[in-house]
């Protein structure tokens, strides 16, 4: 049995990179929701930018999760 250490390192690096990216995008989505709530509490209108930002960020996170499930489950191929 031999281990391809280069391939293992590449998988590890990509996994860490994607994990950090998803966490950052999710945090930006939470920031968008906070902007929306802040605008609503101030008595002004709603912040369409905040809602749009949150929606796009959460949609991107859901897409990454769905793609991961697609890669894992062999019946989807």
PDB file of N, CA and C in Angstrom:
ATOM      1  N   UNK A   1       0.848  -1.176   0.000  1.00  0.00           N
ATOM      2  CA  UNK A   1       0.000   0.000   0.000  1.00  0.00           C
ATOM      3  C   UNK A   1       0.894   1.240   0.000  1.00  0.00           C
ATOM      4  N   UNK A   2       0.615   2.140  -0.911  1.00  0.00           N
ATOM      5  CA  UNK A   2       1.393   3.366  -0.929  1.00  0.00           C
ATOM      6  C   UNK A   2       0.450   4.558  -0.938  1.00  0.00           C
ATOM      7  N   UNK A   3       0.878   5.622  -0.341  1.00  0.00           N
ATOM      8  CA  UNK A   3       0.068   6.840  -0.238  1.00  0.00           C
ATOM      9  C   UNK A   3       0.676   7.898  -1.145  1.00  0.00           C
ATOM     10  N   UNK A   4      -0.165   8.496  -1.966  1.00  0.00           N
ATOM     11  CA  UNK A   4       0.264   9.598  -2.813  1.00  0.00           C
ATOM     12  C   UNK A   4       0.148  10.875  -1.979  1.00  0.00           C
ATOM     13  N   UNK A   5       1.258  11.271  -1.362  1.00  0.00           N
ATOM     14  CA  UNK A   5       1.247  12.398  -0.429  1.00  0.00           C
ATOM     15  C   UNK A   5       0.939  13.723  -1.123  1.00  0.00           C
ATOM     16  N   UNK A   6       1.318  13.844  -2.373  1.00  0.00           N
ATOM     17  CA  UNK A   6       1.016  15.072  -3.109  1.00  0.00           C
ATOM     18  C   UNK A   6      -0.490  15.233  -3.298  1.00  0.00           C
ATOM     19  N   UNK A   7      -1.139  14.159  -3.695  1.00  0.00           N
ATOM     20  CA  UNK A   7      -2.592  14.202  -3.875  1.00  0.00           C
ATOM     21  C   UNK A   7      -3.297  14.458  -2.550  1.00  0.00           C
ATOM     22  N   UNK A   8      -2.824  13.833  -1.493  1.00  0.00           N
ATOM     23  CA  UNK A   8      -3.410  14.052  -0.171  1.00  0.00           C
ATOM     24  C   UNK A   8      -3.247  15.503   0.261  1.00  0.00           C
ATOM     25  N   UNK A   9      -2.089  16.090  -0.006  1.00  0.00           N
ATOM     26  CA  UNK A   9      -1.865  17.499   0.319  1.00  0.00           C
ATOM     27  C   UNK A   9      -2.762  18.425  -0.490  1.00  0.00           C
ATOM     28  N   UNK A  10      -2.967  18.092  -1.764  1.00  0.00           N
ATOM     29  CA  UNK A  10      -3.847  18.909  -2.602  1.00  0.00           C
ATOM     30  C   UNK A  10      -5.288  18.859  -2.109  1.00  0.00           C
ATOM     31  N   UNK A  11      -5.753  17.669  -1.760  1.00  0.00           N
ATOM     32  CA  UNK A  11      -7.112  17.529  -1.240  1.00  0.00           C
ATOM     33  C   UNK A  11      -7.268  18.303   0.058  1.00  0.00           C
ATOM     34  N   UNK A  12      -6.269  18.233   0.919  1.00  0.00           N
ATOM     35  CA  UNK A  12      -6.315  18.961   2.186  1.00  0.00           C
ATOM     36  C   UNK A  12      -6.349  20.464   1.951  1.00  0.00           C
ATOM     37  N   UNK A  13      -5.506  20.959   1.061  1.00  0.00           N
ATOM     38  CA  UNK A  13      -5.463  22.402   0.782  1.00  0.00           C
ATOM     39  C   UNK A  13      -6.769  22.902   0.185  1.00  0.00           C
ATOM     40  N   UNK A  14      -7.324  22.154  -0.753  1.00  0.00           N
ATOM     41  CA  UNK A  14      -8.591  22.565  -1.362  1.00  0.00           C
ATOM     42  C   UNK A  14      -9.715  22.522  -0.329  1.00  0.00           C
ATOM     43  N   UNK A  15      -9.735  21.501   0.511  1.00  0.00           N
ATOM     44  CA  UNK A  15     -10.768  21.391   1.539  1.00  0.00           C
ATOM     45  C   UNK A  15     -10.715  22.558   2.513  1.00  0.00           C
ATOM     46  N   UNK A  16      -9.532  22.912   2.948  1.00  0.00           N
ATOM     47  CA  UNK A  16      -9.383  24.040   3.873  1.00  0.00           C
ATOM     48  C   UNK A  16      -9.767  25.341   3.179  1.00  0.00           C
ATOM     49  N   UNK A  17      -9.332  25.518   1.935  1.00  0.00           N
ATOM     50  CA  UNK A  17      -9.669  26.733   1.198  1.00  0.00           C
ATOM     51  C   UNK A  17     -11.165  26.903   0.988  1.00  0.00           C
ATOM     52  N   UNK A  18     -11.848  25.833   0.594  1.00  0.00           N
ATOM     53  CA  UNK A  18     -13.294  25.906   0.374  1.00  0.00           C
ATOM     54  C   UNK A  18     -14.019  26.129   1.695  1.00  0.00           C
ATOM     55  N   UNK A  19     -13.561  25.513   2.749  1.00  0.00           N
ATOM     56  CA  UNK A  19     -14.174  25.713   4.062  1.00  0.00           C
ATOM     57  C   UNK A  19     -14.079  27.163   4.493  1.00  0.00           C
ATOM     58  N   UNK A  20     -12.917  27.756   4.352  1.00  0.00           N
ATOM     59  CA  UNK A  20     -12.744  29.165   4.720  1.00  0.00           C
ATOM     60  C   UNK A  20     -13.621  30.055   3.837  1.00  0.00           C
ATOM     61  N   UNK A  21     -13.682  29.757   2.558  1.00  0.00           N
ATOM     62  CA  UNK A  21     -14.498  30.561   1.642  1.00  0.00           C
ATOM     63  C   UNK A  21     -15.976  30.487   2.001  1.00  0.00           C
ATOM     64  N   UNK A  22     -16.478  29.299   2.314  1.00  0.00           N
ATOM     65  CA  UNK A  22     -17.891  29.156   2.672  1.00  0.00           C
ATOM     66  C   UNK A  22     -18.194  29.888   3.977  1.00  0.00           C
ATOM     67  N   UNK A  23     -17.298  29.823   4.936  1.00  0.00           N
ATOM     68  CA  UNK A  23     -17.502  30.530   6.201  1.00  0.00           C
ATOM     69  C   UNK A  23     -17.532  32.037   5.966  1.00  0.00           C
ATOM     70  N   UNK A  24     -16.645  32.547   5.128  1.00  0.00           N
ATOM     71  CA  UNK A  24     -16.628  33.990   4.836  1.00  0.00           C
ATOM     72  C   UNK A  24     -17.907  34.408   4.119  1.00  0.00           C
ATOM     73  N   UNK A  25     -18.347  33.636   3.147  1.00  0.00           N
ATOM     74  CA  UNK A  25     -19.573  33.968   2.420  1.00  0.00           C
ATOM     75  C   UNK A  25     -20.779  33.908   3.353  1.00  0.00           C
ATOM     76  N   UNK A  26     -20.830  32.927   4.236  1.00  0.00           N
ATOM     77  CA  UNK A  26     -21.930  32.846   5.201  1.00  0.00           C
ATOM     78  C   UNK A  26     -21.913  34.053   6.142  1.00  0.00           C
ATOM     79  N   UNK A  27     -20.721  34.458   6.581  1.00  0.00           N
ATOM     80  CA  UNK A  27     -20.614  35.634   7.446  1.00  0.00           C
ATOM     81  C   UNK A  27     -21.085  36.898   6.724  1.00  0.00           C
ATOM     82  N   UNK A  28     -20.792  37.006   5.431  1.00  0.00           N
ATOM     83  CA  UNK A  28     -21.293  38.145   4.655  1.00  0.00           C
ATOM     84  C   UNK A  28     -22.818  38.113   4.551  1.00  0.00           C
ATOM     85  N   UNK A  29     -23.389  36.928   4.495  1.00  0.00           N
ATOM     86  CA  UNK A  29     -24.843  36.801   4.499  1.00  0.00           C
ATOM     87  C   UNK A  29     -25.447  37.256   5.815  1.00  0.00           C
ATOM     88  N   UNK A  30     -24.812  36.896   6.911  1.00  0.00           N
ATOM     89  CA  UNK A  30     -25.275  37.351   8.226  1.00  0.00           C
ATOM     90  C   UNK A  30     -25.131  38.865   8.333  1.00  0.00           C
ATOM     91  N   UNK A  31     -24.076  39.421   7.779  1.00  0.00           N
ATOM     92  CA  UNK A  31     -23.903  40.871   7.761  1.00  0.00           C
ATOM     93  C   UNK A  31     -25.029  41.544   6.987  1.00  0.00           C
ATOM     94  N   UNK A  32     -25.423  40.963   5.875  1.00  0.00           N
ATOM     95  CA  UNK A  32     -26.540  41.506   5.107  1.00  0.00           C
ATOM     96  C   UNK A  32     -27.832  41.495   5.906  1.00  0.00           C
ATOM     97  N   UNK A  33     -28.071  40.407   6.649  1.00  0.00           N
ATOM     98  CA  UNK A  33     -29.260  40.373   7.500  1.00  0.00           C
ATOM     99  C   UNK A  33     -29.182  41.413   8.610  1.00  0.00           C
ATOM    100  N   UNK A  34     -28.001  41.627   9.156  1.00  0.00           N
ATOM    101  CA  UNK A  34     -27.833  42.644  10.191  1.00  0.00           C
ATOM    102  C   UNK A  34     -28.100  44.036   9.628  1.00  0.00           C
ATOM    103  N   UNK A  35     -27.661  44.293   8.409  1.00  0.00           N
ATOM    104  CA  UNK A  35     -27.957  45.586   7.773  1.00  0.00           C
ATOM    105  C   UNK A  35     -29.453  45.767   7.590  1.00  0.00           C
ATOM    106  N   UNK A  36     -30.131  44.712   7.187  1.00  0.00           N
ATOM    107  CA  UNK A  36     -31.577  44.768   7.002  1.00  0.00           C
ATOM    108  C   UNK A  36     -32.274  45.068   8.330  1.00  0.00           C
ATOM    109  N   UNK A  37     -31.886  44.358   9.388  1.00  0.00           N
ATOM    110  CA  UNK A  37     -32.496  44.583  10.699  1.00  0.00           C
ATOM    111  C   UNK A  37     -32.180  45.974  11.234  1.00  0.00           C
ATOM    112  N   UNK A  38     -30.960  46.437  11.019  1.00  0.00           N
ATOM    113  CA  UNK A  38     -30.576  47.781  11.470  1.00  0.00           C
ATOM    114  C   UNK A  38     -31.384  48.855  10.776  1.00  0.00           C
ATOM    115  N   UNK A  39     -31.596  48.719   9.496  1.00  0.00           N
ATOM    116  CA  UNK A  39     -32.388  49.703   8.750  1.00  0.00           C
ATOM    117  C   UNK A  39     -33.840  49.661   9.193  1.00  0.00           C
ATOM    118  N   UNK A  40     -34.340  48.492   9.514  1.00  0.00           N
ATOM    119  CA  UNK A  40     -35.723  48.373   9.947  1.00  0.00           C
ATOM    120  C   UNK A  40     -35.919  48.968  11.341  1.00  0.00           C
ATOM    121  N   UNK A  41     -34.946  48.778  12.239  1.00  0.00           N
ATOM    122  CA  UNK A  41     -35.055  49.307  13.596  1.00  0.00           C
ATOM    123  C   UNK A  41     -34.911  50.820  13.652  1.00  0.00           C
ATOM    124  N   UNK A  42     -34.191  51.398  12.699  1.00  0.00           N
ATOM    125  CA  UNK A  42     -34.007  52.846  12.677  1.00  0.00           C
ATOM    126  C   UNK A  42     -35.266  53.574  12.239  1.00  0.00           C
ATOM    127  N   UNK A  43     -36.259  52.855  11.813  1.00  0.00           N
ATOM    128  CA  UNK A  43     -37.499  53.480  11.403  1.00  0.00           C
ATOM    129  C   UNK A  43     -37.542  53.827   9.935  1.00  0.00           C
ATOM    130  N   UNK A  44     -36.427  53.705   9.278  1.00  0.00           N
ATOM    131  CA  UNK A  44     -36.400  53.971   7.843  1.00  0.00           C
ATOM    132  C   UNK A  44     -37.007  52.798   7.100  1.00  0.00           C
ATOM    133  N   UNK A  45     -36.861  52.820   5.839  1.00  0.00           N
ATOM    134  CA  UNK A  45     -37.357  51.708   5.031  1.00  0.00           C
ATOM    135  C   UNK A  45     -36.508  50.481   5.249  1.00  0.00           C
ATOM    136  N   UNK A  46     -36.681  49.542   4.399  1.00  0.00           N
ATOM    137  CA  UNK A  46     -35.875  48.339   4.479  1.00  0.00           C
ATOM    138  C   UNK A  46     -34.664  48.499   3.576  1.00  0.00           C
ATOM    139  N   UNK A  47     -33.635  47.806   3.917  1.00  0.00           N
ATOM    140  CA  UNK A  47     -32.420  47.854   3.118  1.00  0.00           C
ATOM    141  C   UNK A  47     -32.469  46.729   2.086  1.00  0.00           C
ATOM    142  N   UNK A  48     -32.805  47.092   0.863  1.00  0.00           N
ATOM    143  CA  UNK A  48     -32.887  46.089  -0.201  1.00  0.00           C
ATOM    144  C   UNK A  48     -31.506  45.495  -0.480  1.00  0.00           C
ATOM    145  N   UNK A  49     -30.472  46.309  -0.311  1.00  0.00           N
ATOM    146  CA  UNK A  49     -29.117  45.806  -0.540  1.00  0.00           C
ATOM    147  C   UNK A  49     -28.769  44.715   0.472  1.00  0.00           C
ATOM    148  N   UNK A  50     -29.138  44.918   1.725  1.00  0.00           N
ATOM    149  CA  UNK A  50     -28.848  43.921   2.760  1.00  0.00           C
ATOM    150  C   UNK A  50     -29.558  42.610   2.517  1.00  0.00           C
ATOM    151  N   UNK A  51     -30.821  42.684   2.111  1.00  0.00           N
ATOM    152  CA  UNK A  51     -31.589  41.471   1.838  1.00  0.00           C
ATOM    153  C   UNK A  51     -31.021  40.757   0.615  1.00  0.00           C
ATOM    154  N   UNK A  52     -30.672  41.514  -0.399  1.00  0.00           N
ATOM    155  CA  UNK A  52     -30.098  40.922  -1.606  1.00  0.00           C
ATOM    156  C   UNK A  52     -28.763  40.258  -1.296  1.00  0.00           C
ATOM    157  N   UNK A  53     -27.930  40.949  -0.530  1.00  0.00           N
ATOM    158  CA  UNK A  53     -26.632  40.395  -0.148  1.00  0.00           C
ATOM    159  C   UNK A  53     -26.813  39.098   0.621  1.00  0.00           C
ATOM    160  N   UNK A  54     -27.710  39.093   1.597  1.00  0.00           N
ATOM    161  CA  UNK A  54     -27.943  37.890   2.398  1.00  0.00           C
ATOM    162  C   UNK A  54     -28.460  36.754   1.524  1.00  0.00           C
ATOM    163  N   UNK A  55     -29.405  37.060   0.656  1.00  0.00           N
ATOM    164  CA  UNK A  55     -29.968  36.019  -0.194  1.00  0.00           C
ATOM    165  C   UNK A  55     -28.939  35.391  -1.111  1.00  0.00           C
ATOM    166  N   UNK A  56     -28.127  36.219  -1.737  1.00  0.00           N
ATOM    167  CA  UNK A  56     -27.102  35.692  -2.641  1.00  0.00           C
ATOM    168  C   UNK A  56     -26.048  34.873  -1.902  1.00  0.00           C
ATOM    169  N   UNK A  57     -25.644  35.356  -0.736  1.00  0.00           N
ATOM    170  CA  UNK A  57     -24.626  34.638   0.040  1.00  0.00           C
ATOM    171  C   UNK A  57     -25.152  33.293   0.523  1.00  0.00           C
ATOM    172  N   UNK A  58     -26.396  33.264   1.035  1.00  0.00           N
ATOM    173  CA  UNK A  58     -26.949  32.006   1.507  1.00  0.00           C
ATOM    174  C   UNK A  58     -27.228  31.052   0.342  1.00  0.00           C
ATOM    175  N   UNK A  59     -27.585  31.582  -0.806  1.00  0.00           N
ATOM    176  CA  UNK A  59     -27.778  30.759  -1.989  1.00  0.00           C
ATOM    177  C   UNK A  59     -26.453  30.134  -2.430  1.00  0.00           C
ATOM    178  N   UNK A  60     -25.376  30.911  -2.366  1.00  0.00           N
ATOM    179  CA  UNK A  60     -24.049  30.388  -2.719  1.00  0.00           C
ATOM    180  C   UNK A  60     -23.637  29.275  -1.756  1.00  0.00           C
ATOM    181  N   UNK A  61     -23.898  29.467  -0.463  1.00  0.00           N
ATOM    182  CA  UNK A  61     -23.571  28.427   0.518  1.00  0.00           C
ATOM    183  C   UNK A  61     -24.379  27.158   0.253  1.00  0.00           C
ATOM    184  N   UNK A  62     -25.658  27.317  -0.047  1.00  0.00           N
ATOM    185  CA  UNK A  62     -26.504  26.161  -0.339  1.00  0.00           C
ATOM    186  C   UNK A  62     -26.027  25.436  -1.603  1.00  0.00           C
ATOM    187  N   UNK A  63     -25.553  26.191  -2.587  1.00  0.00           N
ATOM    188  CA  UNK A  63     -25.043  25.583  -3.819  1.00  0.00           C
ATOM    189  C   UNK A  63     -23.787  24.756  -3.542  1.00  0.00           C
ATOM    190  N   UNK A  64     -22.916  25.253  -2.690  1.00  0.00           N
ATOM    191  CA  UNK A  64     -21.696  24.502  -2.351  1.00  0.00           C
ATOM    192  C   UNK A  64     -22.063  23.220  -1.610  1.00  0.00           C
ATOM    193  N   UNK A  65     -23.007  23.308  -0.693  1.00  0.00           N
ATOM    194  CA  UNK A  65     -23.440  22.114   0.044  1.00  0.00           C
ATOM    195  C   UNK A  65     -24.089  21.108  -0.907  1.00  0.00           C
ATOM    196  N   UNK A  66     -24.941  21.586  -1.801  1.00  0.00           N
ATOM    197  CA  UNK A  66     -25.596  20.688  -2.756  1.00  0.00           C
ATOM    198  C   UNK A  66     -24.572  20.017  -3.677  1.00  0.00           C
ATOM    199  N   UNK A  67     -23.567  20.757  -4.102  1.00  0.00           N
ATOM    200  CA  UNK A  67     -22.529  20.177  -4.952  1.00  0.00           C
ATOM    201  C   UNK A  67     -21.737  19.113  -4.183  1.00  0.00           C
ATOM    202  N   UNK A  68     -21.445  19.369  -2.927  1.00  0.00           N
ATOM    203  CA  UNK A  68     -20.747  18.385  -2.104  1.00  0.00           C
ATOM    204  C   UNK A  68     -21.547  17.105  -1.950  1.00  0.00           C
ATOM    205  N   UNK A  69     -22.856  17.246  -1.726  1.00  0.00           N
ATOM    206  CA  UNK A  69     -23.715  16.067  -1.621  1.00  0.00           C
ATOM    207  C   UNK A  69     -23.758  15.332  -2.949  1.00  0.00           C
ATOM    208  N   UNK A  70     -23.816  16.081  -4.050  1.00  0.00           N
ATOM    209  CA  UNK A  70     -23.800  15.462  -5.378  1.00  0.00           C
ATOM    210  C   UNK A  70     -22.519  14.641  -5.580  1.00  0.00           C
ATOM    211  N   UNK A  71     -21.389  15.149  -5.129  1.00  0.00           N
ATOM    212  CA  UNK A  71     -20.133  14.421  -5.291  1.00  0.00           C
ATOM    213  C   UNK A  71     -20.056  13.172  -4.421  1.00  0.00           C
ATOM    214  N   UNK A  72     -20.699  13.222  -3.266  1.00  0.00           N
ATOM    215  CA  UNK A  72     -20.600  12.118  -2.319  1.00  0.00           C
ATOM    216  C   UNK A  72     -21.545  10.970  -2.673  1.00  0.00           C
ATOM    217  N   UNK A  73     -22.772  11.279  -3.079  1.00  0.00           N
ATOM    218  CA  UNK A  73     -23.797  10.257  -3.300  1.00  0.00           C
ATOM    219  C   UNK A  73     -23.665   9.685  -4.721  1.00  0.00           C
ATOM    220  N   UNK A  74     -23.352   8.410  -4.847  1.00  0.00           N
ATOM    221  CA  UNK A  74     -23.121   7.847  -6.179  1.00  0.00           C
ATOM    222  C   UNK A  74     -24.397   7.722  -7.024  1.00  0.00           C
ATOM    223  N   UNK A  75     -25.571   7.686  -6.425  1.00  0.00           N
ATOM    224  CA  UNK A  75     -26.802   7.560  -7.198  1.00  0.00           C
ATOM    225  C   UNK A  75     -27.082   8.809  -8.023  1.00  0.00           C
ATOM    226  N   UNK A  76     -26.474   9.932  -7.692  1.00  0.00           N
ATOM    227  CA  UNK A  76     -26.701  11.185  -8.427  1.00  0.00           C
ATOM    228  C   UNK A  76     -25.877  11.252  -9.705  1.00  0.00           C
ATOM    229  N   UNK A  77     -24.952  10.349  -9.899  1.00  0.00           N
ATOM    230  CA  UNK A  77     -24.084  10.412 -11.089  1.00  0.00           C
ATOM    231  C   UNK A  77     -24.673   9.644 -12.223  1.00  0.00           C
TER     232      UNK A  77
END
